[in-house]
Amino acid sequence: MKLLFFWRPAFLCAIFLFNGALAWAARPMVTDDANVVDPHACQNESWVRFGHSSIERWTVPGCNFFGDTEISVGANFLSEKNSVNQQLGLLQVKKRWKVVEPGQWGLSTTVGRVQSGGTVFGISSSTDTYVNIPITWPTSQGPILHLNLGAFHHQAQRVTQTTWGLGAEVPVHPRFFAIMEAFGEAGTRSKVQIGLRYWVVPQAVQIDTTMGQEMQGPSQSRWLSLGLRLLTPALY
């Protein structure tokens, strides 16, 4: 985690934050893929999720400058009716162990922290941590499958819950993908969502739109999301 204080990755991530490869699963999918951005390149994933009585905004810039490791620093802004607005900070390190290649599965590990108060480095009321293991398998039939297994520690409740995710991207056109996933955390209702992904500029600009709901949940648990992903070529 101390590697996050290296000035160059932090500086370039900050540029992405205020401005806005082999690349597959991206937000607003919750189930992660096993890939990272290309070496010496960066990306920014930003999305808005509209719930029954809330609007959630995310921006998560990340760069891969060394060791096939992607470092991300992000922020979340949540607005709810009849409630105080909330801010969260995200700090994440993702290490790729096995590259995803055609017909061959890939593997990575992600560790991170989510901190209330709008900052990931300062003092806050709560700091939650998580670990996730994404596995990606591009099938010979075309669909790309993603499996996530992990755990999330809630500091305030002093409890650690297992997490999981199962997602798929199905190509329907060279630039269009149908996306679908189911994901959850122990002790809560599992969730599902479906949507479409489109490469406006291949390997550079991508948009996503999804709709989802809690399994066997009320209609008030439904949401719609719209995401934008920007990727750079190698910066040096």
C-alpha atoms as a PDB file:
ATOM      1  CA  MET A   1       0.000   0.000   0.000  1.00  0.00           C
ATOM      2  CA  LYS A   2       2.883   2.397   0.615  1.00  0.00           C
ATOM      3  CA  LEU A   3       3.603   2.329  -3.110  1.00  0.00           C
ATOM      4  CA  LEU A   4       0.606   4.631  -3.511  1.00  0.00           C
ATOM      5  CA  PHE A   5       2.712   7.524  -2.276  1.00  0.00           C
ATOM      6  CA  PHE A   6       4.995   7.433  -5.307  1.00  0.00           C
ATOM      7  CA  TRP A   7       4.422  10.837  -6.876  1.00  0.00           C
ATOM      8  CA  ARG A   8       4.011   9.891 -10.506  1.00  0.00           C
ATOM      9  CA  PRO A   9       1.117   7.400 -10.243  1.00  0.00           C
ATOM     10  CA  ALA A  10      -0.637   9.630  -7.718  1.00  0.00           C
ATOM     11  CA  PHE A  11      -0.201  12.727  -9.879  1.00  0.00           C
ATOM     12  CA  LEU A  12      -1.530  11.108 -13.039  1.00  0.00           C
ATOM     13  CA  CYS A  13      -4.409   9.496 -11.166  1.00  0.00           C
ATOM     14  CA  ALA A  14      -5.348  12.927  -9.871  1.00  0.00           C
ATOM     15  CA  ILE A  15      -5.430  14.251 -13.415  1.00  0.00           C
ATOM     16  CA  PHE A  16      -7.888  11.520 -14.345  1.00  0.00           C
ATOM     17  CA  LEU A  17      -9.987  12.238 -11.276  1.00  0.00           C
ATOM     18  CA  PHE A  18     -10.516  15.849 -12.221  1.00  0.00           C
ATOM     19  CA  ASN A  19     -10.920  15.178 -15.945  1.00  0.00           C
ATOM     20  CA  GLY A  20     -13.395  12.918 -15.586  1.00  0.00           C
ATOM     21  CA  ALA A  21      -4.876  -2.513 -23.693  1.00  0.00           C
ATOM     22  CA  LEU A  22      -6.796  -5.485 -23.442  1.00  0.00           C
ATOM     23  CA  ALA A  23      -9.781  -4.275 -21.519  1.00  0.00           C
ATOM     24  CA  TRP A  24     -12.844  -6.216 -20.548  1.00  0.00           C
ATOM     25  CA  ALA A  25     -15.166  -6.091 -17.532  1.00  0.00           C
ATOM     26  CA  ALA A  26     -15.554  -2.545 -16.238  1.00  0.00           C
ATOM     27  CA  ARG A  27     -17.949  -0.527 -14.154  1.00  0.00           C
ATOM     28  CA  PRO A  28     -20.830  -0.286 -13.718  1.00  0.00           C
ATOM     29  CA  MET A  29     -20.365  -4.080 -13.482  1.00  0.00           C
ATOM     30  CA  VAL A  30     -19.665  -5.022  -9.864  1.00  0.00           C
ATOM     31  CA  THR A  31     -18.039  -8.340 -10.793  1.00  0.00           C
ATOM     32  CA  ASP A  32     -14.432  -7.512 -11.647  1.00  0.00           C
ATOM     33  CA  ASP A  33     -12.261  -9.029 -14.359  1.00  0.00           C
ATOM     34  CA  ALA A  34      -8.764 -10.483 -13.987  1.00  0.00           C
ATOM     35  CA  ASN A  35      -7.095  -7.921 -16.237  1.00  0.00           C
ATOM     36  CA  VAL A  36      -5.401  -4.618 -15.448  1.00  0.00           C
ATOM     37  CA  VAL A  37      -4.788  -1.677 -17.759  1.00  0.00           C
ATOM     38  CA  ASP A  38      -1.844  -1.940 -20.124  1.00  0.00           C
ATOM     39  CA  PRO A  39       1.675  -1.291 -18.735  1.00  0.00           C
ATOM     40  CA  HIS A  40       2.442   2.440 -18.304  1.00  0.00           C
ATOM     41  CA  ALA A  41      -1.181   3.314 -19.149  1.00  0.00           C
ATOM     42  CA  CYS A  42      -4.112   4.740 -17.193  1.00  0.00           C
ATOM     43  CA  GLN A  43      -7.895   4.647 -17.209  1.00  0.00           C
ATOM     44  CA  ASN A  44     -10.793   6.417 -15.567  1.00  0.00           C
ATOM     45  CA  GLU A  45     -14.025   4.596 -14.784  1.00  0.00           C
ATOM     46  CA  SER A  46     -16.907   6.878 -13.849  1.00  0.00           C
ATOM     47  CA  TRP A  47     -20.587   6.074 -13.499  1.00  0.00           C
ATOM     48  CA  VAL A  48     -23.883   7.267 -12.082  1.00  0.00           C
ATOM     49  CA  ARG A  49     -26.426   4.954 -10.460  1.00  0.00           C
ATOM     50  CA  PHE A  50     -30.029   6.080 -10.076  1.00  0.00           C
ATOM     51  CA  GLY A  51     -31.997   4.337  -7.321  1.00  0.00           C
ATOM     52  CA  HIS A  52     -35.570   4.739  -6.125  1.00  0.00           C
ATOM     53  CA  SER A  53     -34.640   7.587  -3.779  1.00  0.00           C
ATOM     54  CA  SER A  54     -30.909   8.096  -4.315  1.00  0.00           C
ATOM     55  CA  ILE A  55     -28.263   9.080  -6.842  1.00  0.00           C
ATOM     56  CA  GLU A  56     -24.776   7.595  -6.540  1.00  0.00           C
ATOM     57  CA  ARG A  57     -21.803   9.056  -8.441  1.00  0.00           C
ATOM     58  CA  TRP A  58     -18.417   7.343  -8.752  1.00  0.00           C
ATOM     59  CA  THR A  59     -15.108   8.202 -10.372  1.00  0.00           C
ATOM     60  CA  VAL A  60     -12.185   5.760 -10.110  1.00  0.00           C
ATOM     61  CA  PRO A  61      -8.953   6.607 -11.982  1.00  0.00           C
ATOM     62  CA  GLY A  62      -6.213   3.994 -12.042  1.00  0.00           C
ATOM     63  CA  CYS A  63      -2.756   3.449 -13.551  1.00  0.00           C
ATOM     64  CA  ASN A  64      -0.371   0.541 -14.131  1.00  0.00           C
ATOM     65  CA  PHE A  65       3.197   1.806 -13.886  1.00  0.00           C
ATOM     66  CA  PHE A  66       5.059  -1.195 -12.450  1.00  0.00           C
ATOM     67  CA  GLY A  67       4.824  -4.895 -11.695  1.00  0.00           C
ATOM     68  CA  ASP A  68       1.616  -5.508 -13.644  1.00  0.00           C
ATOM     69  CA  THR A  69      -0.121  -3.741 -10.752  1.00  0.00           C
ATOM     70  CA  GLU A  70      -3.023  -1.322 -11.145  1.00  0.00           C
ATOM     71  CA  ILE A  71      -3.395   1.365  -8.473  1.00  0.00           C
ATOM     72  CA  SER A  72      -6.692   3.243  -8.192  1.00  0.00           C
ATOM     73  CA  VAL A  73      -7.801   6.189  -6.066  1.00  0.00           C
ATOM     74  CA  GLY A  74     -11.511   7.011  -6.341  1.00  0.00           C
ATOM     75  CA  ALA A  75     -14.401   8.883  -4.814  1.00  0.00           C
ATOM     76  CA  ASN A  76     -18.134   8.334  -4.337  1.00  0.00           C
ATOM     77  CA  PHE A  77     -20.850  10.942  -3.786  1.00  0.00           C
ATOM     78  CA  LEU A  78     -24.237   9.679  -2.579  1.00  0.00           C
ATOM     79  CA  SER A  79     -27.363  11.849  -2.479  1.00  0.00           C
ATOM     80  CA  GLU A  80     -30.492  10.461  -0.795  1.00  0.00           C
ATOM     81  CA  LYS A  81     -33.919  11.958  -0.216  1.00  0.00           C
ATOM     82  CA  ASN A  82     -34.501  13.077   3.377  1.00  0.00           C
ATOM     83  CA  SER A  83     -30.911  12.211   4.303  1.00  0.00           C
ATOM     84  CA  VAL A  84     -27.522  13.881   4.599  1.00  0.00           C
ATOM     85  CA  ASN A  85     -25.315  13.518   1.530  1.00  0.00           C
ATOM     86  CA  GLN A  86     -22.452  11.075   1.976  1.00  0.00           C
ATOM     87  CA  GLN A  87     -18.947  10.870   0.536  1.00  0.00           C
ATOM     88  CA  LEU A  88     -16.634   7.880   0.348  1.00  0.00           C
ATOM     89  CA  GLY A  89     -12.998   7.494  -0.678  1.00  0.00           C
ATOM     90  CA  LEU A  90     -11.566   4.411  -2.357  1.00  0.00           C
ATOM     91  CA  LEU A  91      -7.978   3.162  -2.385  1.00  0.00           C
ATOM     92  CA  GLN A  92      -7.278  -0.061  -4.309  1.00  0.00           C
ATOM     93  CA  VAL A  93      -4.324  -2.138  -5.490  1.00  0.00           C
ATOM     94  CA  LYS A  94      -4.863  -4.876  -8.067  1.00  0.00           C
ATOM     95  CA  LYS A  95      -2.089  -7.335  -8.956  1.00  0.00           C
ATOM     96  CA  ARG A  96      -2.384  -9.535 -12.032  1.00  0.00           C
ATOM     97  CA  TRP A  97      -0.801 -12.964 -11.653  1.00  0.00           C
ATOM     98  CA  LYS A  98      -1.895 -14.641 -14.900  1.00  0.00           C
ATOM     99  CA  VAL A  99      -2.678 -12.766 -18.105  1.00  0.00           C
ATOM    100  CA  VAL A 100      -6.034 -13.435 -19.751  1.00  0.00           C
ATOM    101  CA  GLU A 101      -5.448 -14.811 -23.228  1.00  0.00           C
ATOM    102  CA  PRO A 102      -7.802 -16.301 -25.865  1.00  0.00           C
ATOM    103  CA  GLY A 103      -8.974 -19.654 -24.545  1.00  0.00           C
ATOM    104  CA  GLN A 104      -6.926 -19.322 -21.336  1.00  0.00           C
ATOM    105  CA  TRP A 105      -8.123 -18.128 -17.944  1.00  0.00           C
ATOM    106  CA  GLY A 106      -6.517 -15.262 -16.033  1.00  0.00           C
ATOM    107  CA  LEU A 107      -6.114 -14.504 -12.334  1.00  0.00           C
ATOM    108  CA  SER A 108      -5.538 -11.423 -10.173  1.00  0.00           C
ATOM    109  CA  THR A 109      -5.898 -10.265  -6.568  1.00  0.00           C
ATOM    110  CA  THR A 110      -7.408  -6.980  -5.394  1.00  0.00           C
ATOM    111  CA  VAL A 111      -7.085  -5.384  -1.952  1.00  0.00           C
ATOM    112  CA  GLY A 112      -8.606  -2.067  -0.972  1.00  0.00           C
ATOM    113  CA  ARG A 113     -10.162   0.201   1.595  1.00  0.00           C
ATOM    114  CA  VAL A 114     -13.315   2.285   1.590  1.00  0.00           C
ATOM    115  CA  GLN A 115     -13.314   5.275   3.899  1.00  0.00           C
ATOM    116  CA  SER A 116     -16.113   7.682   4.809  1.00  0.00           C
ATOM    117  CA  GLY A 117     -15.530  11.403   5.019  1.00  0.00           C
ATOM    118  CA  GLY A 118     -14.379  11.853   1.429  1.00  0.00           C
ATOM    119  CA  THR A 119     -10.688  11.021   1.947  1.00  0.00           C
ATOM    120  CA  VAL A 120      -8.777   7.755   1.921  1.00  0.00           C
ATOM    121  CA  PHE A 121      -5.733   9.072   3.786  1.00  0.00           C
ATOM    122  CA  GLY A 122      -7.225  11.200   6.557  1.00  0.00           C
ATOM    123  CA  ILE A 123      -9.135  10.342   9.715  1.00  0.00           C
ATOM    124  CA  SER A 124     -12.745   9.285   9.210  1.00  0.00           C
ATOM    125  CA  SER A 125     -15.617   7.736  11.079  1.00  0.00           C
ATOM    126  CA  SER A 126     -15.210   4.351   9.406  1.00  0.00           C
ATOM    127  CA  THR A 127     -12.623   2.507   7.330  1.00  0.00           C
ATOM    128  CA  ASP A 128     -13.708  -0.744   5.708  1.00  0.00           C
ATOM    129  CA  THR A 129     -11.305  -3.107   3.939  1.00  0.00           C
ATOM    130  CA  TYR A 130     -11.776  -5.818   1.355  1.00  0.00           C
ATOM    131  CA  VAL A 131      -9.993  -8.460  -0.675  1.00  0.00           C
ATOM    132  CA  ASN A 132     -11.198  -9.969  -3.942  1.00  0.00           C
ATOM    133  CA  ILE A 133      -9.922 -12.667  -6.306  1.00  0.00           C
ATOM    134  CA  PRO A 134     -11.134 -12.142  -9.896  1.00  0.00           C
ATOM    135  CA  ILE A 135     -10.878 -15.017 -12.375  1.00  0.00           C
ATOM    136  CA  THR A 136     -11.657 -14.479 -16.074  1.00  0.00           C
ATOM    137  CA  TRP A 137     -12.177 -17.128 -18.721  1.00  0.00           C
ATOM    138  CA  PRO A 138     -12.775 -16.195 -22.391  1.00  0.00           C
ATOM    139  CA  THR A 139     -14.653 -19.189 -23.789  1.00  0.00           C
ATOM    140  CA  SER A 140     -14.096 -20.494 -27.298  1.00  0.00           C
ATOM    141  CA  GLN A 141     -17.809 -19.894 -28.025  1.00  0.00           C
ATOM    142  CA  GLY A 142     -17.413 -16.137 -27.541  1.00  0.00           C
ATOM    143  CA  PRO A 143     -18.764 -15.198 -24.078  1.00  0.00           C
ATOM    144  CA  ILE A 144     -16.257 -13.965 -21.488  1.00  0.00           C
ATOM    145  CA  LEU A 145     -16.947 -15.267 -17.978  1.00  0.00           C
ATOM    146  CA  HIS A 146     -15.877 -13.682 -14.685  1.00  0.00           C
ATOM    147  CA  LEU A 147     -15.860 -15.226 -11.213  1.00  0.00           C
ATOM    148  CA  ASN A 148     -15.129 -13.245  -8.031  1.00  0.00           C
ATOM    149  CA  LEU A 149     -14.519 -14.601  -4.527  1.00  0.00           C
ATOM    150  CA  GLY A 150     -13.597 -12.360  -1.629  1.00  0.00           C
ATOM    151  CA  ALA A 151     -14.359 -10.852   1.759  1.00  0.00           C
ATOM    152  CA  PHE A 152     -15.391  -7.430   3.100  1.00  0.00           C
ATOM    153  CA  HIS A 153     -14.626  -6.225   6.620  1.00  0.00           C
ATOM    154  CA  HIS A 154     -17.075  -3.693   8.095  1.00  0.00           C
ATOM    155  CA  GLN A 155     -15.201  -1.785  10.771  1.00  0.00           C
ATOM    156  CA  ALA A 156     -18.227  -0.244  12.505  1.00  0.00           C
ATOM    157  CA  GLN A 157     -19.964  -3.604  12.904  1.00  0.00           C
ATOM    158  CA  ARG A 158     -16.690  -5.457  13.509  1.00  0.00           C
ATOM    159  CA  VAL A 159     -17.737  -8.186  11.127  1.00  0.00           C
ATOM    160  CA  THR A 160     -16.210  -9.742   8.014  1.00  0.00           C
ATOM    161  CA  GLN A 161     -18.541 -11.094   5.333  1.00  0.00           C
ATOM    162  CA  THR A 162     -17.731 -13.252   2.312  1.00  0.00           C
ATOM    163  CA  THR A 163     -18.475 -11.775  -1.112  1.00  0.00           C
ATOM    164  CA  TRP A 164     -18.998 -13.311  -4.536  1.00  0.00           C
ATOM    165  CA  GLY A 165     -19.784 -12.374  -8.117  1.00  0.00           C
ATOM    166  CA  LEU A 166     -20.510 -14.188 -11.374  1.00  0.00           C
ATOM    167  CA  GLY A 167     -20.617 -12.176 -14.598  1.00  0.00           C
ATOM    168  CA  ALA A 168     -20.606 -12.627 -18.358  1.00  0.00           C
ATOM    169  CA  GLU A 169     -19.963 -10.483 -21.414  1.00  0.00           C
ATOM    170  CA  VAL A 170     -21.530 -11.785 -24.616  1.00  0.00           C
ATOM    171  CA  PRO A 171     -20.387 -10.225 -27.921  1.00  0.00           C
ATOM    172  CA  VAL A 172     -23.292  -9.308 -30.206  1.00  0.00           C
ATOM    173  CA  HIS A 173     -21.240  -7.069 -32.537  1.00  0.00           C
ATOM    174  CA  PRO A 174     -17.525  -6.181 -32.772  1.00  0.00           C
ATOM    175  CA  ARG A 175     -18.261  -3.128 -30.588  1.00  0.00           C
ATOM    176  CA  PHE A 176     -21.376  -4.255 -28.676  1.00  0.00           C
ATOM    177  CA  PHE A 177     -21.542  -6.611 -25.688  1.00  0.00           C
ATOM    178  CA  ALA A 178     -24.483  -7.803 -23.642  1.00  0.00           C
ATOM    179  CA  ILE A 179     -23.450  -7.870 -19.980  1.00  0.00           C
ATOM    180  CA  MET A 180     -25.068  -9.687 -17.061  1.00  0.00           C
ATOM    181  CA  GLU A 181     -24.105 -10.608 -13.530  1.00  0.00           C
ATOM    182  CA  ALA A 182     -25.215 -11.820 -10.128  1.00  0.00           C
ATOM    183  CA  PHE A 183     -23.321 -10.795  -7.001  1.00  0.00           C
ATOM    184  CA  GLY A 184     -23.735 -10.592  -3.265  1.00  0.00           C
ATOM    185  CA  GLU A 185     -22.396 -10.443   0.258  1.00  0.00           C
ATOM    186  CA  ALA A 186     -23.204 -12.851   3.073  1.00  0.00           C
ATOM    187  CA  GLY A 187     -26.005 -11.536   5.264  1.00  0.00           C
ATOM    188  CA  THR A 188     -27.590  -9.419   2.518  1.00  0.00           C
ATOM    189  CA  ARG A 189     -29.851 -10.046  -0.456  1.00  0.00           C
ATOM    190  CA  SER A 190     -28.012 -11.020  -3.636  1.00  0.00           C
ATOM    191  CA  LYS A 191     -28.396  -8.736  -6.634  1.00  0.00           C
ATOM    192  CA  VAL A 192     -28.598  -9.115 -10.407  1.00  0.00           C
ATOM    193  CA  GLN A 193     -28.170  -6.705 -13.274  1.00  0.00           C
ATOM    194  CA  ILE A 194     -28.127  -6.760 -17.075  1.00  0.00           C
ATOM    195  CA  GLY A 195     -27.089  -4.202 -19.649  1.00  0.00           C
ATOM    196  CA  LEU A 196     -25.165  -3.242 -22.773  1.00  0.00           C
ATOM    197  CA  ARG A 197     -21.571  -2.177 -23.348  1.00  0.00           C
ATOM    198  CA  TYR A 198     -20.387  -0.236 -26.395  1.00  0.00           C
ATOM    199  CA  TRP A 199     -16.904   0.735 -27.559  1.00  0.00           C
ATOM    200  CA  VAL A 200     -17.274   4.250 -28.990  1.00  0.00           C
ATOM    201  CA  VAL A 201     -13.559   4.186 -29.812  1.00  0.00           C
ATOM    202  CA  PRO A 202     -12.099   0.653 -29.561  1.00  0.00           C
ATOM    203  CA  GLN A 203      -9.781   0.274 -26.559  1.00  0.00           C
ATOM    204  CA  ALA A 204     -10.128   3.987 -25.751  1.00  0.00           C
ATOM    205  CA  VAL A 205     -13.713   5.093 -25.005  1.00  0.00           C
ATOM    206  CA  GLN A 206     -16.404   2.773 -23.669  1.00  0.00           C
ATOM    207  CA  ILE A 207     -19.934   3.354 -22.371  1.00  0.00           C
ATOM    208  CA  ASP A 208     -22.095   1.018 -20.284  1.00  0.00           C
ATOM    209  CA  THR A 209     -25.723   1.064 -19.263  1.00  0.00           C
ATOM    210  CA  THR A 210     -27.361  -1.410 -16.879  1.00  0.00           C
ATOM    211  CA  MET A 211     -30.475  -2.037 -14.836  1.00  0.00           C
ATOM    212  CA  GLY A 212     -30.599  -4.196 -11.730  1.00  0.00           C
ATOM    213  CA  GLN A 213     -32.499  -5.252  -8.649  1.00  0.00           C
ATOM    214  CA  GLU A 214     -32.176  -7.250  -5.454  1.00  0.00           C
ATOM    215  CA  MET A 215     -33.187 -10.888  -5.893  1.00  0.00           C
ATOM    216  CA  GLN A 216     -36.704 -11.292  -4.483  1.00  0.00           C
ATOM    217  CA  GLY A 217     -36.468  -7.685  -3.380  1.00  0.00           C
ATOM    218  CA  PRO A 218     -39.078  -4.929  -3.601  1.00  0.00           C
ATOM    219  CA  SER A 219     -39.437  -2.731  -6.671  1.00  0.00           C
ATOM    220  CA  GLN A 220     -37.822   0.079  -4.668  1.00  0.00           C
ATOM    221  CA  SER A 221     -34.523  -1.830  -4.852  1.00  0.00           C
ATOM    222  CA  ARG A 222     -34.274  -1.368  -8.634  1.00  0.00           C
ATOM    223  CA  TRP A 223     -31.615   0.867 -10.147  1.00  0.00           C
ATOM    224  CA  LEU A 224     -30.362   2.173 -13.481  1.00  0.00           C
ATOM    225  CA  SER A 225     -26.733   3.047 -14.168  1.00  0.00           C
ATOM    226  CA  LEU A 226     -24.713   4.746 -16.876  1.00  0.00           C
ATOM    227  CA  GLY A 227     -20.930   4.471 -17.062  1.00  0.00           C
ATOM    228  CA  LEU A 228     -18.068   5.966 -19.050  1.00  0.00           C
ATOM    229  CA  ARG A 229     -14.600   4.453 -19.312  1.00  0.00           C
ATOM    230  CA  LEU A 230     -11.587   6.276 -20.777  1.00  0.00           C
ATOM    231  CA  LEU A 231      -8.263   4.541 -21.462  1.00  0.00           C
ATOM    232  CA  THR A 232      -4.917   6.004 -22.461  1.00  0.00           C
ATOM    233  CA  PRO A 233      -2.131   4.433 -24.511  1.00  0.00           C
ATOM    234  CA  ALA A 234       1.195   3.880 -22.781  1.00  0.00           C
ATOM    235  CA  LEU A 235       2.338   7.239 -21.410  1.00  0.00           C
ATOM    236  CA  TYR A 236       6.051   6.496 -21.643  1.00  0.00           C
END
